[in-house]
Each structure stands twice: as C-alpha cells, then as structure tokens.
Amino acid sequence: MDINLFQVESQSFIESFISSITNTFIRSIRLVQDTTQGNALRSMASEVNTKALDRSLPSRFALDSTIGSIVDRLMVEEWTNITSHKAYYDRCQPITCTYSYVDKKIWLVVITTVIGLIRGLTIVLKFVVLLVVKSFFYCCYNRVQPLSNNGKT
C-alpha cells in the first residue's frame, strides 16, 4: 500500500512539474540560487556551457511555456555542433587509425549491375546481328550473274 501511495504521489509531482509554467520554474530556480548563493548551479552551468535564466536574453521559449513543452524540445535553445577530429586525435593520440565501411546492400548492387549489363549487351547484339544478317543477304542475293549464251544468238 505504501508503494502505491508513493507512485501516485511521485506521478502527481512529475505531472505537476511538467505542466508548470516556465515563469514559476524560473522563480523557483532563482530562489534556490539566492538561498545557496548559486555556487553549485553556477559551477554546473559553466561546465555544461549554458546561459543563465535571464528574461532579457532572447529565447525561442515563451515565458508562459510549460516545462513539458520545453522538455519535448530537449531544453535546447540553440544547437551548435563543433566537431574537431584533429582535437580528438591530439587528445587521445591513437596508435593506429582504421576506417571501415560495411555496405549491407552489396548484393542488390551486384544484381542490378548484372541485369544492366545483360540488357545493354542484348540491345547491342540486336543491332550487330541485324547488320550482319542484312549484309549477308545483300551479298548473297544482289550478285550479278552473267548470262550464258551457249552459242545461241
């Protein structure tokens, strides 16, 4: 019975947190910052490279947005991806570096290539055979045959 009561209370807490308005959440965070002098939050924010909750800064989230809608958008104002392979290799200094690429559709490529080659050869051979047959008939039937006189005039 105590476990069910805990689940109901925790679910209602989570649901109320998700449905709470950002304005209320910001006030709660500021209250925590003021009571703890914000040292823990500031050090954590500097490690993650976040901006402080400030109304003067532009945001894609409205002040009356619910926490749930912000969580649905991953709580990200702006996504900046800086990938530096040089920095990775400078820091990790791997002994060897290999690259492999596995293509799972290789059989499909082989089959379509073979079908394409067969179709292309079929078209070419049709023209070649047609030309050979026409030239054969031209040579055989268009010969000039001399008339023999057998001495008759």
N, C-alpha and C. Protein backbone atom coordinates (compact mmCIF):
# COMPACT_ATOMS: atom_id res chain seq x y z
N MET A 1 0.83 -1.19 0.00
CA MET A 1 0.00 0.00 0.00
C MET A 1 0.87 1.24 0.00
N ASP A 2 1.98 1.23 0.73
CA ASP A 2 2.86 2.39 0.77
C ASP A 2 3.50 2.63 -0.60
N ILE A 3 3.83 1.57 -1.32
CA ILE A 3 4.45 1.70 -2.64
C ILE A 3 3.49 2.36 -3.61
N ASN A 4 2.22 1.95 -3.59
CA ASN A 4 1.24 2.56 -4.49
C ASN A 4 1.05 4.03 -4.15
N LEU A 5 1.03 4.36 -2.88
CA LEU A 5 0.89 5.75 -2.47
C LEU A 5 2.08 6.57 -2.95
N PHE A 6 3.30 5.99 -2.85
CA PHE A 6 4.49 6.68 -3.34
C PHE A 6 4.42 6.91 -4.84
N GLN A 7 3.98 5.89 -5.58
CA GLN A 7 3.87 6.03 -7.03
C GLN A 7 2.87 7.11 -7.41
N VAL A 8 1.74 7.15 -6.73
CA VAL A 8 0.73 8.17 -7.02
C VAL A 8 1.27 9.55 -6.71
N GLU A 9 1.93 9.69 -5.56
CA GLU A 9 2.47 11.00 -5.19
C GLU A 9 3.58 11.42 -6.13
N SER A 10 4.46 10.49 -6.51
CA SER A 10 5.55 10.86 -7.42
C SER A 10 5.02 11.16 -8.81
N GLN A 11 4.02 10.41 -9.26
CA GLN A 11 3.43 10.70 -10.57
C GLN A 11 2.76 12.06 -10.57
N SER A 12 2.04 12.38 -9.50
CA SER A 12 1.37 13.68 -9.46
C SER A 12 2.41 14.80 -9.37
N PHE A 13 3.53 14.56 -8.69
CA PHE A 13 4.58 15.58 -8.63
C PHE A 13 5.20 15.81 -10.01
N ILE A 14 5.49 14.70 -10.72
CA ILE A 14 6.08 14.82 -12.05
C ILE A 14 5.10 15.50 -13.00
N GLU A 15 3.82 15.10 -12.94
CA GLU A 15 2.83 15.72 -13.82
C GLU A 15 2.68 17.21 -13.51
N SER A 16 2.70 17.58 -12.24
CA SER A 16 2.58 19.00 -11.91
C SER A 16 3.83 19.76 -12.33
N PHE A 17 5.00 19.13 -12.23
CA PHE A 17 6.23 19.79 -12.67
C PHE A 17 6.21 20.02 -14.18
N ILE A 18 5.81 19.00 -14.93
CA ILE A 18 5.78 19.11 -16.39
C ILE A 18 4.75 20.14 -16.84
N SER A 19 3.63 20.23 -16.13
CA SER A 19 2.60 21.18 -16.54
C SER A 19 2.81 22.57 -15.96
N SER A 20 3.81 22.74 -15.10
CA SER A 20 4.05 24.07 -14.53
C SER A 20 4.57 25.02 -15.59
N ILE A 21 4.39 26.29 -15.33
CA ILE A 21 4.75 27.32 -16.30
C ILE A 21 6.20 27.72 -16.06
N THR A 22 6.87 28.09 -17.14
CA THR A 22 8.28 28.44 -17.08
C THR A 22 8.55 29.57 -16.11
N ASN A 23 7.66 30.54 -16.07
CA ASN A 23 7.82 31.69 -15.17
C ASN A 23 7.96 31.22 -13.73
N THR A 24 7.10 30.30 -13.32
CA THR A 24 7.16 29.76 -11.96
C THR A 24 8.45 28.99 -11.74
N PHE A 25 8.86 28.24 -12.74
CA PHE A 25 10.09 27.46 -12.65
C PHE A 25 11.30 28.38 -12.50
N ILE A 26 11.33 29.47 -13.26
CA ILE A 26 12.45 30.43 -13.16
C ILE A 26 12.50 31.04 -11.78
N ARG A 27 11.33 31.39 -11.24
CA ARG A 27 11.32 31.96 -9.88
C ARG A 27 11.83 30.94 -8.87
N SER A 28 11.47 29.67 -9.06
CA SER A 28 11.95 28.63 -8.14
C SER A 28 13.46 28.47 -8.24
N ILE A 29 14.00 28.50 -9.45
CA ILE A 29 15.45 28.39 -9.63
C ILE A 29 16.15 29.58 -8.99
N ARG A 30 15.62 30.76 -9.18
CA ARG A 30 16.24 31.95 -8.57
C ARG A 30 16.20 31.87 -7.05
N LEU A 31 15.11 31.34 -6.51
CA LEU A 31 15.02 31.17 -5.06
C LEU A 31 16.10 30.22 -4.57
N VAL A 32 16.32 29.12 -5.30
CA VAL A 32 17.38 28.18 -4.94
C VAL A 32 18.74 28.85 -5.06
N GLN A 33 18.95 29.65 -6.12
CA GLN A 33 20.22 30.35 -6.29
C GLN A 33 20.46 31.33 -5.16
N ASP A 34 19.42 32.04 -4.77
CA ASP A 34 19.58 33.02 -3.69
C ASP A 34 19.88 32.35 -2.35
N THR A 35 19.22 31.22 -2.09
CA THR A 35 19.43 30.58 -0.79
C THR A 35 20.77 29.85 -0.72
N THR A 36 21.27 29.36 -1.86
CA THR A 36 22.56 28.65 -1.83
C THR A 36 23.67 29.49 -2.44
N GLN A 37 23.39 30.75 -2.65
CA GLN A 37 24.31 31.67 -3.31
C GLN A 37 24.64 31.18 -4.73
N GLY A 38 23.91 30.20 -5.20
CA GLY A 38 24.03 29.74 -6.58
C GLY A 38 25.36 29.11 -6.94
N ASN A 39 26.19 28.80 -5.95
CA ASN A 39 27.52 28.27 -6.26
C ASN A 39 27.45 26.94 -7.01
N ALA A 40 26.64 26.04 -6.53
CA ALA A 40 26.56 24.73 -7.18
C ALA A 40 25.98 24.85 -8.58
N LEU A 41 24.94 25.66 -8.72
CA LEU A 41 24.32 25.81 -10.04
C LEU A 41 25.25 26.53 -11.01
N ARG A 42 25.98 27.52 -10.51
CA ARG A 42 26.88 28.26 -11.40
C ARG A 42 28.02 27.37 -11.90
N SER A 43 28.58 26.56 -11.00
CA SER A 43 29.68 25.69 -11.43
C SER A 43 29.17 24.63 -12.41
N MET A 44 27.97 24.13 -12.16
CA MET A 44 27.41 23.14 -13.07
C MET A 44 27.09 23.79 -14.42
N ALA A 45 26.59 25.00 -14.42
CA ALA A 45 26.25 25.69 -15.67
C ALA A 45 27.50 26.03 -16.47
N SER A 46 28.59 26.34 -15.78
CA SER A 46 29.81 26.67 -16.52
C SER A 46 30.42 25.42 -17.16
N GLU A 47 30.25 24.26 -16.53
CA GLU A 47 30.77 23.02 -17.11
C GLU A 47 30.00 22.62 -18.36
N VAL A 48 28.70 22.87 -18.37
CA VAL A 48 27.86 22.45 -19.49
C VAL A 48 27.77 23.53 -20.55
N ASN A 49 28.30 24.71 -20.29
CA ASN A 49 28.26 25.83 -21.22
C ASN A 49 26.83 26.28 -21.47
N THR A 50 26.12 26.61 -20.40
CA THR A 50 24.75 27.08 -20.51
C THR A 50 24.68 28.56 -20.18
N LYS A 51 23.60 29.19 -20.59
CA LYS A 51 23.37 30.59 -20.26
C LYS A 51 22.46 30.65 -19.05
N ALA A 52 22.62 31.69 -18.27
CA ALA A 52 21.77 31.86 -17.10
C ALA A 52 20.34 32.16 -17.53
N LEU A 53 19.39 31.86 -16.65
CA LEU A 53 17.99 32.17 -16.95
C LEU A 53 17.80 33.67 -16.81
N ASP A 54 17.74 34.35 -17.91
CA ASP A 54 17.64 35.81 -17.92
C ASP A 54 16.56 36.22 -18.90
N ARG A 55 15.59 37.01 -18.43
CA ARG A 55 14.48 37.43 -19.29
C ARG A 55 14.93 38.37 -20.39
N SER A 56 16.05 39.05 -20.21
CA SER A 56 16.49 40.00 -21.23
C SER A 56 17.12 39.30 -22.44
N LEU A 57 17.54 38.04 -22.27
CA LEU A 57 18.12 37.30 -23.39
C LEU A 57 17.01 36.76 -24.29
N PRO A 58 17.24 36.77 -25.60
CA PRO A 58 16.21 36.22 -26.50
C PRO A 58 16.11 34.71 -26.33
N SER A 59 14.89 34.20 -26.46
CA SER A 59 14.67 32.77 -26.29
C SER A 59 13.59 32.31 -27.25
N ARG A 60 13.69 31.08 -27.68
CA ARG A 60 12.63 30.54 -28.54
C ARG A 60 11.47 30.03 -27.70
N PHE A 61 11.65 29.98 -26.39
CA PHE A 61 10.60 29.55 -25.49
C PHE A 61 9.93 30.78 -24.88
N ALA A 62 8.60 30.78 -24.89
CA ALA A 62 7.86 31.89 -24.27
C ALA A 62 7.87 31.72 -22.76
N LEU A 63 7.65 32.83 -22.04
CA LEU A 63 7.65 32.76 -20.58
C LEU A 63 6.49 31.94 -20.04
N ASP A 64 5.43 31.84 -20.81
CA ASP A 64 4.29 31.05 -20.34
C ASP A 64 4.31 29.62 -20.90
N SER A 65 5.45 29.20 -21.45
CA SER A 65 5.58 27.82 -21.93
C SER A 65 5.61 26.88 -20.74
N THR A 66 5.06 25.71 -20.93
CA THR A 66 5.12 24.73 -19.85
C THR A 66 6.47 24.02 -19.88
N ILE A 67 6.87 23.51 -18.74
CA ILE A 67 8.13 22.78 -18.66
C ILE A 67 8.07 21.57 -19.59
N GLY A 68 6.90 20.94 -19.69
CA GLY A 68 6.75 19.78 -20.56
C GLY A 68 7.03 20.11 -22.02
N SER A 69 6.57 21.28 -22.49
CA SER A 69 6.82 21.65 -23.89
C SER A 69 8.30 21.94 -24.11
N ILE A 70 8.97 22.49 -23.10
CA ILE A 70 10.41 22.75 -23.22
C ILE A 70 11.18 21.43 -23.22
N VAL A 71 10.77 20.50 -22.37
CA VAL A 71 11.42 19.19 -22.32
C VAL A 71 11.20 18.45 -23.65
N ASP A 72 10.02 18.60 -24.23
CA ASP A 72 9.75 17.96 -25.53
C ASP A 72 10.71 18.46 -26.60
N ARG A 73 11.17 19.70 -26.48
CA ARG A 73 12.13 20.25 -27.45
C ARG A 73 13.56 20.13 -26.91
N LEU A 74 13.76 19.19 -25.98
CA LEU A 74 15.06 18.82 -25.42
C LEU A 74 15.74 19.94 -24.66
N MET A 75 15.02 20.95 -24.26
CA MET A 75 15.53 22.08 -23.47
C MET A 75 16.70 22.77 -24.16
N VAL A 76 16.73 22.74 -25.46
CA VAL A 76 17.85 23.31 -26.20
C VAL A 76 17.40 24.59 -26.88
N GLU A 77 18.07 25.69 -26.56
CA GLU A 77 17.80 26.96 -27.23
C GLU A 77 18.40 26.95 -28.62
N GLU A 78 19.68 26.61 -28.70
CA GLU A 78 20.39 26.63 -29.97
C GLU A 78 21.36 25.46 -29.96
N TRP A 79 21.35 24.69 -31.01
CA TRP A 79 22.22 23.52 -31.09
C TRP A 79 23.43 23.87 -31.93
N THR A 80 24.60 23.84 -31.31
CA THR A 80 25.84 24.14 -32.01
C THR A 80 26.71 22.89 -31.97
N ASN A 81 27.05 22.38 -33.14
CA ASN A 81 27.86 21.18 -33.21
C ASN A 81 29.22 21.55 -33.79
N ILE A 82 30.23 21.44 -32.99
CA ILE A 82 31.60 21.71 -33.44
C ILE A 82 32.36 20.39 -33.32
N THR A 83 32.67 19.81 -34.46
CA THR A 83 33.38 18.54 -34.48
C THR A 83 34.81 18.80 -34.92
N SER A 84 35.75 18.40 -34.10
CA SER A 84 37.15 18.58 -34.43
C SER A 84 37.86 17.24 -34.31
N HIS A 85 38.10 16.62 -35.45
CA HIS A 85 38.81 15.34 -35.43
C HIS A 85 40.27 15.54 -35.01
N LYS A 86 40.84 16.67 -35.38
CA LYS A 86 42.23 16.96 -35.00
C LYS A 86 42.36 17.04 -33.49
N ALA A 87 41.41 17.73 -32.84
CA ALA A 87 41.46 17.83 -31.38
C ALA A 87 41.30 16.46 -30.73
N TYR A 88 40.45 15.62 -31.30
CA TYR A 88 40.27 14.28 -30.77
C TYR A 88 41.57 13.48 -30.86
N TYR A 89 42.21 13.51 -32.03
CA TYR A 89 43.44 12.73 -32.21
C TYR A 89 44.60 13.33 -31.42
N ASP A 90 44.60 14.65 -31.25
CA ASP A 90 45.64 15.27 -30.42
C ASP A 90 45.47 14.84 -28.97
N ARG A 91 44.23 14.75 -28.51
CA ARG A 91 43.98 14.43 -27.11
C ARG A 91 44.13 12.93 -26.85
N CYS A 92 43.56 12.09 -27.71
CA CYS A 92 43.58 10.64 -27.48
C CYS A 92 44.85 9.98 -27.97
N GLN A 93 45.48 10.52 -28.97
CA GLN A 93 46.71 10.01 -29.56
C GLN A 93 46.65 8.50 -29.83
N PRO A 94 45.73 8.08 -30.71
CA PRO A 94 45.66 6.64 -31.01
C PRO A 94 46.89 6.18 -31.78
N ILE A 95 47.27 4.93 -31.57
CA ILE A 95 48.44 4.37 -32.24
C ILE A 95 48.13 4.14 -33.72
N THR A 96 46.99 3.54 -33.98
CA THR A 96 46.59 3.32 -35.37
C THR A 96 45.17 3.83 -35.57
N CYS A 97 44.89 4.13 -36.79
CA CYS A 97 43.55 4.60 -37.13
C CYS A 97 43.09 3.83 -38.36
N THR A 98 41.96 3.17 -38.25
CA THR A 98 41.43 2.43 -39.39
C THR A 98 40.02 2.92 -39.67
N TYR A 99 39.63 2.76 -40.89
CA TYR A 99 38.29 3.15 -41.31
C TYR A 99 37.69 1.99 -42.07
N SER A 100 36.52 1.58 -41.69
CA SER A 100 35.86 0.50 -42.41
C SER A 100 34.43 0.92 -42.70
N TYR A 101 33.96 0.46 -43.83
CA TYR A 101 32.60 0.77 -44.25
C TYR A 101 31.95 -0.52 -44.69
N VAL A 102 30.85 -0.86 -44.07
CA VAL A 102 30.14 -2.08 -44.40
C VAL A 102 28.86 -1.69 -45.11
N ASP A 103 28.75 -2.15 -46.36
CA ASP A 103 27.55 -1.88 -47.13
C ASP A 103 26.71 -3.15 -47.15
N LYS A 104 25.55 -3.09 -46.55
CA LYS A 104 24.72 -4.28 -46.44
C LYS A 104 23.92 -4.56 -47.71
N LYS A 105 23.89 -3.63 -48.64
CA LYS A 105 23.10 -3.82 -49.85
C LYS A 105 23.99 -4.15 -51.05
N ILE A 106 25.13 -4.76 -50.83
CA ILE A 106 26.07 -5.06 -51.91
C ILE A 106 25.47 -6.05 -52.90
N TRP A 107 24.69 -7.02 -52.44
CA TRP A 107 24.07 -7.99 -53.34
C TRP A 107 23.10 -7.32 -54.29
N LEU A 108 22.40 -6.31 -53.81
CA LEU A 108 21.46 -5.58 -54.66
C LEU A 108 22.19 -4.84 -55.77
N VAL A 109 23.33 -4.26 -55.44
CA VAL A 109 24.14 -3.56 -56.44
C VAL A 109 24.65 -4.54 -57.49
N VAL A 110 25.10 -5.71 -57.06
CA VAL A 110 25.61 -6.71 -58.00
C VAL A 110 24.51 -7.18 -58.94
N ILE A 111 23.35 -7.47 -58.40
CA ILE A 111 22.24 -7.96 -59.22
C ILE A 111 21.82 -6.91 -60.25
N THR A 112 21.65 -5.66 -59.81
CA THR A 112 21.23 -4.62 -60.76
C THR A 112 22.31 -4.34 -61.80
N THR A 113 23.57 -4.44 -61.42
CA THR A 113 24.65 -4.24 -62.39
C THR A 113 24.65 -5.34 -63.44
N VAL A 114 24.48 -6.59 -63.01
CA VAL A 114 24.45 -7.72 -63.95
C VAL A 114 23.25 -7.59 -64.88
N ILE A 115 22.10 -7.25 -64.35
CA ILE A 115 20.90 -7.08 -65.19
C ILE A 115 21.12 -5.95 -66.19
N GLY A 116 21.72 -4.86 -65.76
CA GLY A 116 22.02 -3.75 -66.66
C GLY A 116 22.98 -4.14 -67.77
N LEU A 117 24.01 -4.91 -67.42
CA LEU A 117 24.96 -5.37 -68.43
C LEU A 117 24.30 -6.30 -69.44
N ILE A 118 23.49 -7.23 -68.96
CA ILE A 118 22.80 -8.15 -69.87
C ILE A 118 21.87 -7.38 -70.80
N ARG A 119 21.13 -6.44 -70.26
CA ARG A 119 20.21 -5.64 -71.08
C ARG A 119 20.99 -4.82 -72.11
N GLY A 120 22.08 -4.23 -71.71
CA GLY A 120 22.89 -3.45 -72.64
C GLY A 120 23.48 -4.32 -73.74
N LEU A 121 24.00 -5.49 -73.37
CA LEU A 121 24.54 -6.41 -74.37
C LEU A 121 23.46 -6.91 -75.32
N THR A 122 22.26 -7.14 -74.82
CA THR A 122 21.15 -7.58 -75.66
C THR A 122 20.84 -6.54 -76.73
N ILE A 123 20.78 -5.28 -76.33
CA ILE A 123 20.48 -4.21 -77.29
C ILE A 123 21.59 -4.09 -78.33
N VAL A 124 22.83 -4.13 -77.89
CA VAL A 124 23.96 -4.01 -78.82
C VAL A 124 23.98 -5.20 -79.77
N LEU A 125 23.78 -6.41 -79.26
CA LEU A 125 23.80 -7.60 -80.11
C LEU A 125 22.66 -7.61 -81.11
N LYS A 126 21.50 -7.05 -80.77
CA LYS A 126 20.40 -6.96 -81.73
C LYS A 126 20.83 -6.15 -82.95
N PHE A 127 21.47 -5.02 -82.71
CA PHE A 127 21.93 -4.19 -83.83
C PHE A 127 23.04 -4.87 -84.62
N VAL A 128 23.97 -5.50 -83.93
CA VAL A 128 25.09 -6.16 -84.61
C VAL A 128 24.57 -7.32 -85.46
N VAL A 129 23.71 -8.17 -84.90
CA VAL A 129 23.16 -9.31 -85.64
C VAL A 129 22.34 -8.82 -86.82
N LEU A 130 21.55 -7.78 -86.65
CA LEU A 130 20.75 -7.22 -87.74
C LEU A 130 21.65 -6.75 -88.88
N LEU A 131 22.73 -6.06 -88.54
CA LEU A 131 23.66 -5.60 -89.58
C LEU A 131 24.34 -6.78 -90.29
N VAL A 132 24.73 -7.80 -89.55
CA VAL A 132 25.40 -8.97 -90.14
C VAL A 132 24.43 -9.70 -91.08
N VAL A 133 23.19 -9.92 -90.64
CA VAL A 133 22.21 -10.63 -91.47
C VAL A 133 21.89 -9.83 -92.72
N LYS A 134 21.69 -8.51 -92.60
CA LYS A 134 21.40 -7.67 -93.76
C LYS A 134 22.56 -7.68 -94.75
N SER A 135 23.76 -7.59 -94.25
CA SER A 135 24.91 -7.59 -95.16
C SER A 135 25.08 -8.97 -95.81
N PHE A 136 24.77 -10.06 -95.09
CA PHE A 136 24.83 -11.40 -95.68
C PHE A 136 23.83 -11.53 -96.83
N PHE A 137 22.58 -11.13 -96.56
CA PHE A 137 21.56 -11.21 -97.62
C PHE A 137 21.89 -10.28 -98.79
N TYR A 138 22.45 -9.15 -98.49
CA TYR A 138 22.82 -8.22 -99.56
C TYR A 138 23.89 -8.84 -100.46
N CYS A 139 24.87 -9.45 -99.83
CA CYS A 139 25.95 -10.08 -100.60
C CYS A 139 25.44 -11.28 -101.41
N CYS A 140 24.57 -12.10 -100.81
CA CYS A 140 24.11 -13.32 -101.48
C CYS A 140 23.11 -13.05 -102.59
N TYR A 141 22.17 -12.20 -102.41
CA TYR A 141 21.09 -12.02 -103.37
C TYR A 141 21.31 -10.90 -104.37
N ASN A 142 22.24 -10.05 -104.14
CA ASN A 142 22.48 -8.96 -105.07
C ASN A 142 23.70 -9.20 -105.93
N ARG A 143 24.02 -10.43 -106.19
CA ARG A 143 25.13 -10.75 -107.09
C ARG A 143 24.65 -10.61 -108.53
N VAL A 144 25.51 -10.13 -109.31
CA VAL A 144 25.21 -10.07 -110.75
C VAL A 144 25.65 -11.38 -111.35
N GLN A 145 24.72 -12.12 -111.91
CA GLN A 145 25.04 -13.41 -112.51
C GLN A 145 25.12 -13.23 -114.04
N PRO A 146 26.23 -13.63 -114.62
CA PRO A 146 26.35 -13.49 -116.07
C PRO A 146 25.43 -14.47 -116.80
N LEU A 147 24.92 -14.04 -117.90
CA LEU A 147 24.07 -14.89 -118.72
C LEU A 147 24.94 -15.73 -119.64
N SER A 148 24.68 -16.95 -119.70
CA SER A 148 25.45 -17.81 -120.61
C SER A 148 24.68 -17.94 -121.93
N ASN A 149 25.38 -17.84 -123.03
CA ASN A 149 24.77 -17.87 -124.35
C ASN A 149 24.76 -19.27 -124.97
N ASN A 150 25.51 -20.09 -124.70
CA ASN A 150 25.63 -21.42 -125.27
C ASN A 150 25.62 -21.39 -126.81
N GLY A 151 26.08 -20.39 -127.34
CA GLY A 151 26.19 -20.29 -128.79
C GLY A 151 24.89 -19.89 -129.47
N LYS A 152 23.88 -19.57 -128.79
CA LYS A 152 22.62 -19.16 -129.41
C LYS A 152 22.60 -17.65 -129.51
N THR A 153 22.15 -17.21 -130.54
CA THR A 153 22.02 -15.78 -130.76
C THR A 153 20.62 -15.37 -130.97
